[in-house]
């Protein structure tokens, strides 16, 4: 099946490099981080010190994950 109204040329199955998947996975993880941080940023004035500390711990865990991915070479393209 096709959507553009034109006959497809070639096969539909294309094998992608694993690096595309690694970049997509890292992007999705940090995109979800922003989704979790947005409600916190909106209600920042009403929240107390405990909520601030919890968000710092959350960001710290994500930074540790980013450093781990960086050191394992998941962000290297070459």
PDB file of N, CA and C in Angstrom:
ATOM      1  N   UNK A   1       0.840  -1.173   0.000  1.00  0.00           N
ATOM      2  CA  UNK A   1       0.000   0.000   0.000  1.00  0.00           C
ATOM      3  C   UNK A   1       0.886   1.238   0.000  1.00  0.00           C
ATOM      4  N   UNK A   2       0.417   2.256  -0.617  1.00  0.00           N
ATOM      5  CA  UNK A   2       1.190   3.492  -0.704  1.00  0.00           C
ATOM      6  C   UNK A   2       0.251   4.671  -0.524  1.00  0.00           C
ATOM      7  N   UNK A   3       0.798   5.795  -0.106  1.00  0.00           N
ATOM      8  CA  UNK A   3      -0.030   6.945   0.231  1.00  0.00           C
ATOM      9  C   UNK A   3       0.033   8.057  -0.799  1.00  0.00           C
ATOM     10  N   UNK A   4       1.081   8.148  -1.578  1.00  0.00           N
ATOM     11  CA  UNK A   4       1.260   9.296  -2.467  1.00  0.00           C
ATOM     12  C   UNK A   4       0.509   9.148  -3.784  1.00  0.00           C
ATOM     13  N   UNK A   5       0.027   7.962  -4.094  1.00  0.00           N
ATOM     14  CA  UNK A   5      -0.656   7.751  -5.355  1.00  0.00           C
ATOM     15  C   UNK A   5       0.272   7.301  -6.465  1.00  0.00           C
ATOM     16  N   UNK A   6       1.554   7.227  -6.182  1.00  0.00           N
ATOM     17  CA  UNK A   6       2.524   6.790  -7.177  1.00  0.00           C
ATOM     18  C   UNK A   6       2.975   5.379  -6.839  1.00  0.00           C
ATOM     19  N   UNK A   7       3.320   4.645  -7.877  1.00  0.00           N
ATOM     20  CA  UNK A   7       3.818   3.292  -7.676  1.00  0.00           C
ATOM     21  C   UNK A   7       5.177   3.343  -6.981  1.00  0.00           C
ATOM     22  N   UNK A   8       5.400   2.481  -5.992  1.00  0.00           N
ATOM     23  CA  UNK A   8       6.703   2.480  -5.314  1.00  0.00           C
ATOM     24  C   UNK A   8       7.803   1.928  -6.216  1.00  0.00           C
ATOM     25  N   UNK A   9       9.000   2.443  -6.008  1.00  0.00           N
ATOM     26  CA  UNK A   9      10.169   1.981  -6.761  1.00  0.00           C
ATOM     27  C   UNK A   9      11.093   1.272  -5.787  1.00  0.00           C
ATOM     28  N   UNK A  10      11.448   0.051  -6.060  1.00  0.00           N
ATOM     29  CA  UNK A  10      12.351  -0.698  -5.194  1.00  0.00           C
ATOM     30  C   UNK A  10      11.601  -1.398  -4.078  1.00  0.00           C
ATOM     31  N   UNK A  11      12.367  -2.001  -3.191  1.00  0.00           N
ATOM     32  CA  UNK A  11      11.781  -2.735  -2.077  1.00  0.00           C
ATOM     33  C   UNK A  11      11.391  -1.815  -0.928  1.00  0.00           C
ATOM     34  N   UNK A  12      10.503  -2.300  -0.109  1.00  0.00           N
ATOM     35  CA  UNK A  12      10.037  -1.504   1.023  1.00  0.00           C
ATOM     36  C   UNK A  12      10.895  -1.716   2.265  1.00  0.00           C
ATOM     37  N   UNK A  13      11.651  -2.785   2.313  1.00  0.00           N
ATOM     38  CA  UNK A  13      12.451  -3.077   3.499  1.00  0.00           C
ATOM     39  C   UNK A  13      13.849  -2.522   3.320  1.00  0.00           C
ATOM     40  N   UNK A  14      14.201  -1.584   4.184  1.00  0.00           N
ATOM     41  CA  UNK A  14      15.532  -0.988   4.170  1.00  0.00           C
ATOM     42  C   UNK A  14      16.149  -1.221   5.537  1.00  0.00           C
ATOM     43  N   UNK A  15      17.363  -1.690   5.557  1.00  0.00           N
ATOM     44  CA  UNK A  15      18.049  -1.925   6.817  1.00  0.00           C
ATOM     45  C   UNK A  15      18.805  -0.659   7.215  1.00  0.00           C
ATOM     46  N   UNK A  16      18.531  -0.165   8.432  1.00  0.00           N
ATOM     47  CA  UNK A  16      19.188   1.034   8.928  1.00  0.00           C
ATOM     48  C   UNK A  16      20.353   0.657   9.820  1.00  0.00           C
ATOM     49  N   UNK A  17      21.304   1.553   9.897  1.00  0.00           N
ATOM     50  CA  UNK A  17      22.444   1.379  10.779  1.00  0.00           C
ATOM     51  C   UNK A  17      21.972   1.469  12.228  1.00  0.00           C
ATOM     52  N   UNK A  18      22.588   0.717  13.126  1.00  0.00           N
ATOM     53  CA  UNK A  18      22.193   0.699  14.532  1.00  0.00           C
ATOM     54  C   UNK A  18      22.398   2.061  15.180  1.00  0.00           C
ATOM     55  N   UNK A  19      23.277   2.875  14.637  1.00  0.00           N
ATOM     56  CA  UNK A  19      23.525   4.197  15.224  1.00  0.00           C
ATOM     57  C   UNK A  19      22.297   5.081  15.148  1.00  0.00           C
ATOM     58  N   UNK A  20      21.482   4.920  14.117  1.00  0.00           N
ATOM     59  CA  UNK A  20      20.241   5.686  14.047  1.00  0.00           C
ATOM     60  C   UNK A  20      19.349   5.336  15.233  1.00  0.00           C
ATOM     61  N   UNK A  21      19.286   4.081  15.570  1.00  0.00           N
ATOM     62  CA  UNK A  21      18.446   3.649  16.680  1.00  0.00           C
ATOM     63  C   UNK A  21      18.982   4.159  18.014  1.00  0.00           C
ATOM     64  N   UNK A  22      20.304   4.179  18.171  1.00  0.00           N
ATOM     65  CA  UNK A  22      20.891   4.685  19.414  1.00  0.00           C
ATOM     66  C   UNK A  22      20.610   6.172  19.583  1.00  0.00           C
ATOM     67  N   UNK A  23      20.752   6.941  18.509  1.00  0.00           N
ATOM     68  CA  UNK A  23      20.436   8.361  18.593  1.00  0.00           C
ATOM     69  C   UNK A  23      18.955   8.561  18.883  1.00  0.00           C
ATOM     70  N   UNK A  24      18.102   7.785  18.253  1.00  0.00           N
ATOM     71  CA  UNK A  24      16.664   7.914  18.491  1.00  0.00           C
ATOM     72  C   UNK A  24      16.316   7.559  19.925  1.00  0.00           C
ATOM     73  N   UNK A  25      16.932   6.533  20.458  1.00  0.00           N
ATOM     74  CA  UNK A  25      16.661   6.125  21.834  1.00  0.00           C
ATOM     75  C   UNK A  25      17.099   7.196  22.824  1.00  0.00           C
ATOM     76  N   UNK A  26      18.280   7.749  22.637  1.00  0.00           N
ATOM     77  CA  UNK A  26      18.754   8.816  23.524  1.00  0.00           C
ATOM     78  C   UNK A  26      17.853  10.041  23.396  1.00  0.00           C
ATOM     79  N   UNK A  27      17.430  10.368  22.176  1.00  0.00           N
ATOM     80  CA  UNK A  27      16.531  11.503  21.980  1.00  0.00           C
ATOM     81  C   UNK A  27      15.208  11.294  22.697  1.00  0.00           C
ATOM     82  N   UNK A  28      14.631  10.113  22.575  1.00  0.00           N
ATOM     83  CA  UNK A  28      13.345   9.838  23.225  1.00  0.00           C
ATOM     84  C   UNK A  28      13.473   9.925  24.741  1.00  0.00           C
ATOM     85  N   UNK A  29      14.549   9.402  25.288  1.00  0.00           N
ATOM     86  CA  UNK A  29      14.738   9.454  26.742  1.00  0.00           C
ATOM     87  C   UNK A  29      14.788  10.893  27.223  1.00  0.00           C
ATOM     88  N   UNK A  30      15.547  11.741  26.552  1.00  0.00           N
ATOM     89  CA  UNK A  30      15.664  13.121  27.005  1.00  0.00           C
ATOM     90  C   UNK A  30      14.459  13.957  26.611  1.00  0.00           C
ATOM     91  N   UNK A  31      13.727  13.551  25.608  1.00  0.00           N
ATOM     92  CA  UNK A  31      12.473  14.215  25.280  1.00  0.00           C
ATOM     93  C   UNK A  31      11.433  13.937  26.362  1.00  0.00           C
ATOM     94  N   UNK A  32      11.388  12.725  26.854  1.00  0.00           N
ATOM     95  CA  UNK A  32      10.479  12.386  27.956  1.00  0.00           C
ATOM     96  C   UNK A  32      10.889  13.136  29.218  1.00  0.00           C
ATOM     97  N   UNK A  33      12.180  13.373  29.395  1.00  0.00           N
ATOM     98  CA  UNK A  33      12.640  14.167  30.541  1.00  0.00           C
ATOM     99  C   UNK A  33      12.011  15.552  30.509  1.00  0.00           C
ATOM    100  N   UNK A  34      11.983  16.166  29.355  1.00  0.00           N
ATOM    101  CA  UNK A  34      11.390  17.498  29.233  1.00  0.00           C
ATOM    102  C   UNK A  34       9.901  17.445  29.538  1.00  0.00           C
ATOM    103  N   UNK A  35       9.232  16.390  29.131  1.00  0.00           N
ATOM    104  CA  UNK A  35       7.803  16.248  29.425  1.00  0.00           C
ATOM    105  C   UNK A  35       7.573  16.168  30.926  1.00  0.00           C
ATOM    106  N   UNK A  36       8.457  15.508  31.651  1.00  0.00           N
ATOM    107  CA  UNK A  36       8.319  15.425  33.109  1.00  0.00           C
ATOM    108  C   UNK A  36       8.717  16.725  33.799  1.00  0.00           C
ATOM    109  N   UNK A  37       9.634  17.469  33.225  1.00  0.00           N
ATOM    110  CA  UNK A  37      10.083  18.711  33.856  1.00  0.00           C
ATOM    111  C   UNK A  37       9.130  19.880  33.621  1.00  0.00           C
ATOM    112  N   UNK A  38       8.366  19.855  32.563  1.00  0.00           N
ATOM    113  CA  UNK A  38       7.476  20.976  32.259  1.00  0.00           C
ATOM    114  C   UNK A  38       6.436  21.230  33.350  1.00  0.00           C
ATOM    115  N   UNK A  39       5.695  20.219  33.822  1.00  0.00           N
ATOM    116  CA  UNK A  39       4.731  20.494  34.905  1.00  0.00           C
ATOM    117  C   UNK A  39       5.410  20.996  36.175  1.00  0.00           C
ATOM    118  N   UNK A  40       6.602  20.505  36.442  1.00  0.00           N
ATOM    119  CA  UNK A  40       7.332  20.982  37.614  1.00  0.00           C
ATOM    120  C   UNK A  40       7.691  22.455  37.452  1.00  0.00           C
ATOM    121  N   UNK A  41       8.108  22.847  36.258  1.00  0.00           N
ATOM    122  CA  UNK A  41       8.483  24.240  36.019  1.00  0.00           C
ATOM    123  C   UNK A  41       7.276  25.168  36.120  1.00  0.00           C
ATOM    124  N   UNK A  42       6.108  24.688  35.703  1.00  0.00           N
ATOM    125  CA  UNK A  42       4.898  25.507  35.783  1.00  0.00           C
ATOM    126  C   UNK A  42       4.494  25.734  37.232  1.00  0.00           C
ATOM    127  N   UNK A  43       4.629  24.728  38.076  1.00  0.00           N
ATOM    128  CA  UNK A  43       4.202  24.818  39.475  1.00  0.00           C
ATOM    129  C   UNK A  43       5.373  25.078  40.416  1.00  0.00           C
ATOM    130  N   UNK A  44       6.460  25.632  39.916  1.00  0.00           N
ATOM    131  CA  UNK A  44       7.664  25.811  40.728  1.00  0.00           C
ATOM    132  C   UNK A  44       7.418  26.686  41.956  1.00  0.00           C
ATOM    133  N   UNK A  45       6.636  27.751  41.819  1.00  0.00           N
ATOM    134  CA  UNK A  45       6.409  28.666  42.946  1.00  0.00           C
ATOM    135  C   UNK A  45       5.622  28.017  44.075  1.00  0.00           C
ATOM    136  N   UNK A  46       4.731  27.089  43.773  1.00  0.00           N
ATOM    137  CA  UNK A  46       3.916  26.449  44.799  1.00  0.00           C
ATOM    138  C   UNK A  46       4.626  25.274  45.468  1.00  0.00           C
ATOM    139  N   UNK A  47       5.650  24.762  44.863  1.00  0.00           N
ATOM    140  CA  UNK A  47       6.339  23.592  45.396  1.00  0.00           C
ATOM    141  C   UNK A  47       7.388  24.017  46.412  1.00  0.00           C
ATOM    142  N   UNK A  48       7.691  23.139  47.297  1.00  0.00           N
ATOM    143  CA  UNK A  48       8.662  23.443  48.343  1.00  0.00           C
ATOM    144  C   UNK A  48      10.063  22.980  48.003  1.00  0.00           C
ATOM    145  N   UNK A  49      10.892  22.988  49.010  1.00  0.00           N
ATOM    146  CA  UNK A  49      12.291  22.597  48.857  1.00  0.00           C
ATOM    147  C   UNK A  49      12.432  21.112  48.527  1.00  0.00           C
ATOM    148  N   UNK A  50      11.558  20.284  49.077  1.00  0.00           N
ATOM    149  CA  UNK A  50      11.623  18.841  48.816  1.00  0.00           C
ATOM    150  C   UNK A  50      11.424  18.538  47.330  1.00  0.00           C
ATOM    151  N   UNK A  51      10.481  19.214  46.697  1.00  0.00           N
ATOM    152  CA  UNK A  51      10.249  18.998  45.267  1.00  0.00           C
ATOM    153  C   UNK A  51      11.458  19.441  44.448  1.00  0.00           C
ATOM    154  N   UNK A  52      12.100  20.516  44.881  1.00  0.00           N
ATOM    155  CA  UNK A  52      13.299  20.984  44.187  1.00  0.00           C
ATOM    156  C   UNK A  52      14.417  19.950  44.280  1.00  0.00           C
ATOM    157  N   UNK A  53      14.586  19.370  45.449  1.00  0.00           N
ATOM    158  CA  UNK A  53      15.613  18.342  45.647  1.00  0.00           C
ATOM    159  C   UNK A  53      15.290  17.100  44.820  1.00  0.00           C
ATOM    160  N   UNK A  54      14.017  16.730  44.756  1.00  0.00           N
ATOM    161  CA  UNK A  54      13.621  15.572  43.948  1.00  0.00           C
ATOM    162  C   UNK A  54      13.943  15.788  42.475  1.00  0.00           C
ATOM    163  N   UNK A  55      13.702  16.996  41.967  1.00  0.00           N
ATOM    164  CA  UNK A  55      14.001  17.278  40.563  1.00  0.00           C
ATOM    165  C   UNK A  55      15.508  17.272  40.330  1.00  0.00           C
ATOM    166  N   UNK A  56      16.269  17.773  41.283  1.00  0.00           N
ATOM    167  CA  UNK A  56      17.728  17.717  41.142  1.00  0.00           C
ATOM    168  C   UNK A  56      18.223  16.276  41.089  1.00  0.00           C
ATOM    169  N   UNK A  57      17.633  15.404  41.897  1.00  0.00           N
ATOM    170  CA  UNK A  57      18.001  13.984  41.859  1.00  0.00           C
ATOM    171  C   UNK A  57      17.616  13.375  40.511  1.00  0.00           C
ATOM    172  N   UNK A  58      16.430  13.715  40.013  1.00  0.00           N
ATOM    173  CA  UNK A  58      15.960  13.225  38.713  1.00  0.00           C
ATOM    174  C   UNK A  58      16.913  13.657  37.600  1.00  0.00           C
ATOM    175  N   UNK A  59      17.291  14.922  37.592  1.00  0.00           N
ATOM    176  CA  UNK A  59      18.213  15.424  36.577  1.00  0.00           C
ATOM    177  C   UNK A  59      19.584  14.778  36.749  1.00  0.00           C
ATOM    178  N   UNK A  60      20.001  14.568  37.993  1.00  0.00           N
ATOM    179  CA  UNK A  60      21.281  13.908  38.244  1.00  0.00           C
ATOM    180  C   UNK A  60      21.324  12.502  37.675  1.00  0.00           C
ATOM    181  N   UNK A  61      20.241  11.754  37.846  1.00  0.00           N
ATOM    182  CA  UNK A  61      20.176  10.398  37.290  1.00  0.00           C
ATOM    183  C   UNK A  61      20.264  10.440  35.768  1.00  0.00           C
ATOM    184  N   UNK A  62      19.590  11.405  35.156  1.00  0.00           N
ATOM    185  CA  UNK A  62      19.648  11.520  33.702  1.00  0.00           C
ATOM    186  C   UNK A  62      21.034  11.941  33.220  1.00  0.00           C
ATOM    187  N   UNK A  63      21.697  12.801  33.969  1.00  0.00           N
ATOM    188  CA  UNK A  63      23.056  13.198  33.598  1.00  0.00           C
ATOM    189  C   UNK A  63      24.001  12.002  33.696  1.00  0.00           C
ATOM    190  N   UNK A  64      23.835  11.191  34.731  1.00  0.00           N
ATOM    191  CA  UNK A  64      24.656   9.983  34.855  1.00  0.00           C
ATOM    192  C   UNK A  64      24.413   9.067  33.654  1.00  0.00           C
ATOM    193  N   UNK A  65      23.162   8.925  33.228  1.00  0.00           N
ATOM    194  CA  UNK A  65      22.853   8.117  32.052  1.00  0.00           C
ATOM    195  C   UNK A  65      23.456   8.686  30.783  1.00  0.00           C
ATOM    196  N   UNK A  66      23.436  10.009  30.650  1.00  0.00           N
ATOM    197  CA  UNK A  66      24.033  10.645  29.479  1.00  0.00           C
ATOM    198  C   UNK A  66      25.542  10.448  29.454  1.00  0.00           C
ATOM    199  N   UNK A  67      26.189  10.611  30.593  1.00  0.00           N
ATOM    200  CA  UNK A  67      27.639  10.400  30.668  1.00  0.00           C
ATOM    201  C   UNK A  67      27.977   8.943  30.349  1.00  0.00           C
ATOM    202  N   UNK A  68      27.170   8.017  30.841  1.00  0.00           N
ATOM    203  CA  UNK A  68      27.395   6.595  30.550  1.00  0.00           C
ATOM    204  C   UNK A  68      27.280   6.328  29.044  1.00  0.00           C
ATOM    205  N   UNK A  69      26.227   6.866  28.421  1.00  0.00           N
ATOM    206  CA  UNK A  69      26.050   6.671  26.978  1.00  0.00           C
ATOM    207  C   UNK A  69      27.190   7.313  26.203  1.00  0.00           C
ATOM    208  N   UNK A  70      27.638   8.455  26.651  1.00  0.00           N
ATOM    209  CA  UNK A  70      28.730   9.150  25.986  1.00  0.00           C
ATOM    210  C   UNK A  70      30.022   8.343  26.068  1.00  0.00           C
ATOM    211  N   UNK A  71      30.324   7.825  27.258  1.00  0.00           N
ATOM    212  CA  UNK A  71      31.559   7.051  27.436  1.00  0.00           C
ATOM    213  C   UNK A  71      31.514   5.704  26.720  1.00  0.00           C
ATOM    214  N   UNK A  72      30.334   5.122  26.567  1.00  0.00           N
ATOM    215  CA  UNK A  72      30.214   3.850  25.844  1.00  0.00           C
ATOM    216  C   UNK A  72      30.265   4.055  24.335  1.00  0.00           C
ATOM    217  N   UNK A  73      30.239   5.309  23.889  1.00  0.00           N
ATOM    218  CA  UNK A  73      30.326   5.598  22.463  1.00  0.00           C
ATOM    219  C   UNK A  73      28.995   5.611  21.753  1.00  0.00           C
ATOM    220  N   UNK A  74      27.900   5.668  22.484  1.00  0.00           N
ATOM    221  CA  UNK A  74      26.587   5.664  21.846  1.00  0.00           C
ATOM    222  C   UNK A  74      26.311   6.959  21.097  1.00  0.00           C
ATOM    223  N   UNK A  75      27.031   8.016  21.420  1.00  0.00           N
ATOM    224  CA  UNK A  75      26.812   9.300  20.766  1.00  0.00           C
ATOM    225  C   UNK A  75      27.842   9.587  19.683  1.00  0.00           C
ATOM    226  N   UNK A  76      28.747   8.663  19.454  1.00  0.00           N
ATOM    227  CA  UNK A  76      29.768   8.829  18.419  1.00  0.00           C
ATOM    228  C   UNK A  76      29.207   8.373  17.079  1.00  0.00           C
ATOM    229  N   UNK A  77      29.428   9.147  16.048  1.00  0.00           N
ATOM    230  CA  UNK A  77      28.894   8.799  14.743  1.00  0.00           C
ATOM    231  C   UNK A  77      29.928   8.085  13.878  1.00  0.00           C
ATOM    232  N   UNK A  78      31.186   8.320  14.077  1.00  0.00           N
ATOM    233  CA  UNK A  78      32.208   7.756  13.187  1.00  0.00           C
ATOM    234  C   UNK A  78      32.486   6.307  13.439  1.00  0.00           C
TER     235      UNK A  78
END
